[in-house]
């Protein structure tokens, strides 16, 4: 497929690494043999086979010498500093302890109900990452007159990083008291509902959203879906866990006019057991009664908004 500078800028922002490398090679018009020559000129020896595996996603650079080659590739391909290395989860100035660390965390470190999530995902035969990468995700959450989570809608833009992807698994975790049997799943745009799995004890619902066509690696897809709940108790926060780095995330909370909180704050966490940081007070808008957060480049971890009623 053809690539433009705009495509390259987008995938350098959202990843994954192998698609970003592939796009950079295509836009710069450099064959792998020529890239190998440029690296060798810098005293870095990397085989054409290794470069090919990296751009196919068959292997990831992990060893120190491989990471040195990736930094050199940024120069050879005239890319912003750290634009490729960041997609491997190795930050600027990272020490040896960071070498080879994947740019993701498992659900086990993100949500307390990870065992349930993993069990339900296994029932739906879901691979670790679903073959998809988020380019943009906007969520609109509605809080009702009894301070309950009424429902939420999502508009999601994803990019496939392997051929044949034709579905997405959406996860809903209700507030304490949620009855997952009464939670309704809606396929709103460019998808249809497939299998749905529910877990009463944890209040979990996982819904399979099917696309009308199989995506090829690099293809994007925009779709919308929602969960109607209103079965749980008083809601005091909305939390989103990210297992992989991704694109832009927008979260909006709308409150019923008869139930307005006294304080709202955004926060971030590395894991569920870590302290909440990056706290920022949010001002409730006037007649629309909403607060929101925008994260331009999501990193693995947790983002959310919480609020106080009294």
Foldseek 3Di string as FASTA:
>chain_A
DAADPVLLVLCLQFDQLLCNLVNLCRHLVPQLVRLQVQCVVVVQHDDSVRSVCSNLVVDHDFDPSSLVSVQVVCVVSVHPGCSNVVSQVADVPRDPVRGRPGQFDQVVFADVCRVVVVVVCVVVVAPRVLQKTWSEKEKEWEQELQQATFKMKMKTKIFGQAWFRWKDKDKDFGDAQWALVPKDKFWDFQWDWDDWDADGVRRMIIIITGGPDIDHHGDMDITMMMIGTPRHHRDFKDKDFDGHKGFKYKYKYFYDPNQAFPWKWKWWFAGPPGDTDPIDTFDQDPPRRMTMDMDGIDGGGMIMMGTHRD
